[in-house]
Amino acid sequence: MPSVIGTDSGSGINVAANYLKTKPSTRFATRQLQFYDVQVNGCATDPYDSNSLYSRAVRGVQVAAEIYAVGEPYSDHFMVVVASDTTTDPVNIPGSEAGDGTVNDMAQSLQDAIGSICQGVTPKHLHGAGFASGRLYYSDESMNDN
């Protein structure tokens, strides 16, 4: 059968090859994923010891979200990858608005779960050969505001 992509049959309609387009995404047969840089001073010191700062921080993240991956700690930082729809991020809760006080954003929820040992949680997104700061709202029809 001949292809009709890119041809105008006289109707003025030109069928586009949309299946050839690509956009950044973390959703390939998985939930929408989100990356976070977690800063815990001292987490890289003996991180694999029982009840280390690193271990306590990872358990704190588990309270706030479903974890898909945890990175190796280095220089007081480690990365986590969580299922975005398991977070209390206002983007994921219908009827919520960021900053309206009804829910914490994910960074605040992680920081609260980890407690006083946490110096910060920063959303990250894949960018080139590494990460850039900020949450990238991937195109996903199942999430609010995407």
C-alpha atoms as a PDB file:
ATOM      1  CA  MET A   1       0.000   0.000   0.000  1.00  0.00           C
ATOM      2  CA  PRO A   2       1.428   3.401  -0.895  1.00  0.00           C
ATOM      3  CA  SER A   3       2.107   5.938   1.850  1.00  0.00           C
ATOM      4  CA  VAL A   4      -0.037   9.071   2.023  1.00  0.00           C
ATOM      5  CA  ILE A   5       2.293  10.858   4.437  1.00  0.00           C
ATOM      6  CA  GLY A   6       3.330  14.236   3.124  1.00  0.00           C
ATOM      7  CA  THR A   7       0.969  14.147   0.167  1.00  0.00           C
ATOM      8  CA  ASP A   8      -2.003  16.335  -0.548  1.00  0.00           C
ATOM      9  CA  SER A   9      -4.755  14.374  -2.263  1.00  0.00           C
ATOM     10  CA  GLY A  10      -6.388  17.561  -3.450  1.00  0.00           C
ATOM     11  CA  SER A  11      -8.389  18.039  -0.259  1.00  0.00           C
ATOM     12  CA  GLY A  12      -5.905  20.505   1.194  1.00  0.00           C
ATOM     13  CA  ILE A  13      -5.044  18.031   3.962  1.00  0.00           C
ATOM     14  CA  ASN A  14      -1.441  17.001   4.269  1.00  0.00           C
ATOM     15  CA  VAL A  15      -0.967  14.052   6.628  1.00  0.00           C
ATOM     16  CA  ALA A  16       2.008  14.754   8.881  1.00  0.00           C
ATOM     17  CA  ALA A  17       4.546  12.172   9.959  1.00  0.00           C
ATOM     18  CA  ASN A  18       3.983  12.870  13.670  1.00  0.00           C
ATOM     19  CA  TYR A  19       5.272   9.436  14.626  1.00  0.00           C
ATOM     20  CA  LEU A  20       8.729  10.628  13.580  1.00  0.00           C
ATOM     21  CA  LYS A  21       8.785  13.395  16.227  1.00  0.00           C
ATOM     22  CA  THR A  22      10.636  12.996  19.530  1.00  0.00           C
ATOM     23  CA  LYS A  23      10.378  14.957  22.773  1.00  0.00           C
ATOM     24  CA  PRO A  24      12.273  14.526  26.065  1.00  0.00           C
ATOM     25  CA  SER A  25      10.556  12.051  28.347  1.00  0.00           C
ATOM     26  CA  THR A  26      11.114   9.663  31.212  1.00  0.00           C
ATOM     27  CA  ARG A  27       7.977   7.735  30.386  1.00  0.00           C
ATOM     28  CA  PHE A  28       8.726   4.669  28.318  1.00  0.00           C
ATOM     29  CA  ALA A  29       6.551   1.850  29.696  1.00  0.00           C
ATOM     30  CA  THR A  30       6.939   3.346  33.191  1.00  0.00           C
ATOM     31  CA  ARG A  31       5.378   6.006  35.326  1.00  0.00           C
ATOM     32  CA  GLN A  32       6.513   9.585  34.898  1.00  0.00           C
ATOM     33  CA  LEU A  33       9.865   9.803  36.690  1.00  0.00           C
ATOM     34  CA  GLN A  34      11.488  12.781  38.400  1.00  0.00           C
ATOM     35  CA  PHE A  35      15.121  13.285  39.417  1.00  0.00           C
ATOM     36  CA  TYR A  36      16.195  15.036  42.623  1.00  0.00           C
ATOM     37  CA  ASP A  37      19.608  16.064  43.931  1.00  0.00           C
ATOM     38  CA  VAL A  38      19.608  15.498  47.705  1.00  0.00           C
ATOM     39  CA  GLN A  39      22.223  17.284  49.809  1.00  0.00           C
ATOM     40  CA  VAL A  40      23.096  15.747  53.160  1.00  0.00           C
ATOM     41  CA  ASN A  41      26.358  16.939  54.677  1.00  0.00           C
ATOM     42  CA  GLY A  42      28.465  13.898  55.502  1.00  0.00           C
ATOM     43  CA  CYS A  43      26.428  11.415  53.448  1.00  0.00           C
ATOM     44  CA  ALA A  44      29.503  10.345  51.482  1.00  0.00           C
ATOM     45  CA  THR A  45      31.421   9.455  54.661  1.00  0.00           C
ATOM     46  CA  ASP A  46      31.046   5.690  55.224  1.00  0.00           C
ATOM     47  CA  PRO A  47      27.746   5.662  53.296  1.00  0.00           C
ATOM     48  CA  TYR A  48      27.312   1.896  53.372  1.00  0.00           C
ATOM     49  CA  ASP A  49      27.570   1.545  57.162  1.00  0.00           C
ATOM     50  CA  SER A  50      24.501   0.542  59.124  1.00  0.00           C
ATOM     51  CA  ASN A  51      22.264   3.564  59.855  1.00  0.00           C
ATOM     52  CA  SER A  52      24.621   5.967  58.044  1.00  0.00           C
ATOM     53  CA  LEU A  53      23.464   9.458  57.081  1.00  0.00           C
ATOM     54  CA  TYR A  54      23.077   8.191  53.518  1.00  0.00           C
ATOM     55  CA  SER A  55      20.921   5.260  54.664  1.00  0.00           C
ATOM     56  CA  ARG A  56      18.769   7.518  56.848  1.00  0.00           C
ATOM     57  CA  ALA A  57      18.305   9.989  53.997  1.00  0.00           C
ATOM     58  CA  VAL A  58      17.280   7.254  51.539  1.00  0.00           C
ATOM     59  CA  ARG A  59      14.757   5.905  54.048  1.00  0.00           C
ATOM     60  CA  GLY A  60      13.426   9.444  54.441  1.00  0.00           C
ATOM     61  CA  VAL A  61      12.911   9.705  50.698  1.00  0.00           C
ATOM     62  CA  GLN A  62      11.048   6.381  50.772  1.00  0.00           C
ATOM     63  CA  VAL A  63       8.527   7.945  53.167  1.00  0.00           C
ATOM     64  CA  ALA A  64       7.729  10.691  50.668  1.00  0.00           C
ATOM     65  CA  ALA A  65       7.862   8.895  47.303  1.00  0.00           C
ATOM     66  CA  GLU A  66       8.274   5.612  45.455  1.00  0.00           C
ATOM     67  CA  ILE A  67      11.953   5.289  44.556  1.00  0.00           C
ATOM     68  CA  TYR A  68      13.092   3.876  41.218  1.00  0.00           C
ATOM     69  CA  ALA A  69      16.817   4.562  41.639  1.00  0.00           C
ATOM     70  CA  VAL A  70      19.304   5.920  44.163  1.00  0.00           C
ATOM     71  CA  GLY A  71      22.697   7.236  43.130  1.00  0.00           C
ATOM     72  CA  GLU A  72      26.076   6.868  44.754  1.00  0.00           C
ATOM     73  CA  PRO A  73      26.786   9.631  47.283  1.00  0.00           C
ATOM     74  CA  TYR A  74      29.586  12.017  46.424  1.00  0.00           C
ATOM     75  CA  SER A  75      30.625  15.277  48.052  1.00  0.00           C
ATOM     76  CA  ASP A  76      27.508  15.520  50.275  1.00  0.00           C
ATOM     77  CA  HIS A  77      25.079  14.882  47.398  1.00  0.00           C
ATOM     78  CA  PHE A  78      23.256  11.938  45.866  1.00  0.00           C
ATOM     79  CA  MET A  79      20.568  11.621  43.217  1.00  0.00           C
ATOM     80  CA  VAL A  80      17.230   9.869  43.551  1.00  0.00           C
ATOM     81  CA  VAL A  81      14.737   8.983  40.849  1.00  0.00           C
ATOM     82  CA  VAL A  82      11.143   8.771  42.050  1.00  0.00           C
ATOM     83  CA  ALA A  83       7.748   8.090  40.501  1.00  0.00           C
ATOM     84  CA  SER A  84       6.353  11.566  40.058  1.00  0.00           C
ATOM     85  CA  ASP A  85       2.764  10.461  40.649  1.00  0.00           C
ATOM     86  CA  THR A  86       3.621   9.157  44.148  1.00  0.00           C
ATOM     87  CA  THR A  87       4.747  12.553  45.378  1.00  0.00           C
ATOM     88  CA  THR A  88       2.877  15.350  47.079  1.00  0.00           C
ATOM     89  CA  ASP A  89       3.930  17.732  44.334  1.00  0.00           C
ATOM     90  CA  PRO A  90       0.941  20.026  43.608  1.00  0.00           C
ATOM     91  CA  VAL A  91       1.301  19.249  39.896  1.00  0.00           C
ATOM     92  CA  ASN A  92       0.124  15.703  40.644  1.00  0.00           C
ATOM     93  CA  ILE A  93      -2.901  16.557  42.813  1.00  0.00           C
ATOM     94  CA  PRO A  94      -6.045  17.714  40.972  1.00  0.00           C
ATOM     95  CA  GLY A  95      -7.388  21.000  42.277  1.00  0.00           C
ATOM     96  CA  SER A  96      -4.124  21.980  43.982  1.00  0.00           C
ATOM     97  CA  GLU A  97      -2.159  25.040  43.130  1.00  0.00           C
ATOM     98  CA  ALA A  98       1.532  25.377  43.851  1.00  0.00           C
ATOM     99  CA  GLY A  99       2.035  27.585  46.869  1.00  0.00           C
ATOM    100  CA  ASP A 100      -1.593  27.529  48.047  1.00  0.00           C
ATOM    101  CA  GLY A 101      -0.593  25.810  51.311  1.00  0.00           C
ATOM    102  CA  THR A 102      -2.685  22.661  50.766  1.00  0.00           C
ATOM    103  CA  VAL A 103       0.311  20.442  49.961  1.00  0.00           C
ATOM    104  CA  ASN A 104       4.090  20.643  50.080  1.00  0.00           C
ATOM    105  CA  ASP A 105       6.030  20.592  46.893  1.00  0.00           C
ATOM    106  CA  MET A 106       8.107  17.443  46.475  1.00  0.00           C
ATOM    107  CA  ALA A 107      11.377  19.078  47.466  1.00  0.00           C
ATOM    108  CA  GLN A 108       9.824  20.232  50.745  1.00  0.00           C
ATOM    109  CA  SER A 109       8.242  16.831  51.360  1.00  0.00           C
ATOM    110  CA  LEU A 110      11.582  15.101  50.863  1.00  0.00           C
ATOM    111  CA  GLN A 111      13.323  17.585  53.104  1.00  0.00           C
ATOM    112  CA  ASP A 112      10.661  17.093  55.810  1.00  0.00           C
ATOM    113  CA  ALA A 113      10.914  13.301  55.534  1.00  0.00           C
ATOM    114  CA  ILE A 114      14.699  13.303  55.763  1.00  0.00           C
ATOM    115  CA  GLY A 115      14.663  15.763  58.643  1.00  0.00           C
ATOM    116  CA  SER A 116      17.381  17.937  60.085  1.00  0.00           C
ATOM    117  CA  ILE A 117      20.203  16.100  58.318  1.00  0.00           C
ATOM    118  CA  CYS A 118      19.010  17.396  54.936  1.00  0.00           C
ATOM    119  CA  GLN A 119      20.495  20.637  53.624  1.00  0.00           C
ATOM    120  CA  GLY A 120      18.464  20.743  50.434  1.00  0.00           C
ATOM    121  CA  VAL A 121      16.567  18.947  47.698  1.00  0.00           C
ATOM    122  CA  THR A 122      16.747  20.257  44.147  1.00  0.00           C
ATOM    123  CA  PRO A 123      14.688  18.958  41.214  1.00  0.00           C
ATOM    124  CA  LYS A 124      16.796  18.100  38.169  1.00  0.00           C
ATOM    125  CA  HIS A 125      16.158  17.060  34.595  1.00  0.00           C
ATOM    126  CA  LEU A 126      18.235  15.344  31.948  1.00  0.00           C
ATOM    127  CA  HIS A 127      20.038  17.881  29.809  1.00  0.00           C
ATOM    128  CA  GLY A 128      22.687  17.038  27.248  1.00  0.00           C
ATOM    129  CA  ALA A 129      25.286  14.779  28.851  1.00  0.00           C
ATOM    130  CA  GLY A 130      24.208  15.573  32.415  1.00  0.00           C
ATOM    131  CA  PHE A 131      21.585  17.288  34.540  1.00  0.00           C
ATOM    132  CA  ALA A 132      20.227  20.818  34.701  1.00  0.00           C
ATOM    133  CA  SER A 133      18.405  22.367  37.646  1.00  0.00           C
ATOM    134  CA  GLY A 134      14.648  22.567  37.718  1.00  0.00           C
ATOM    135  CA  ARG A 135      11.789  20.259  36.956  1.00  0.00           C
ATOM    136  CA  LEU A 136      11.108  19.585  33.307  1.00  0.00           C
ATOM    137  CA  TYR A 137       7.386  19.130  32.810  1.00  0.00           C
ATOM    138  CA  TYR A 138       7.446  16.401  30.228  1.00  0.00           C
ATOM    139  CA  SER A 139       4.588  16.114  27.794  1.00  0.00           C
ATOM    140  CA  ASP A 140       2.217  13.635  29.416  1.00  0.00           C
ATOM    141  CA  GLU A 141      -1.526  13.784  29.028  1.00  0.00           C
ATOM    142  CA  SER A 142      -2.144  11.911  32.294  1.00  0.00           C
ATOM    143  CA  MET A 143      -0.646  14.632  34.524  1.00  0.00           C
ATOM    144  CA  ASN A 144      -2.079  18.060  35.353  1.00  0.00           C
ATOM    145  CA  ASP A 145      -0.548  21.035  33.567  1.00  0.00           C
ATOM    146  CA  ASN A 146       1.378  18.859  31.097  1.00  0.00           C
END
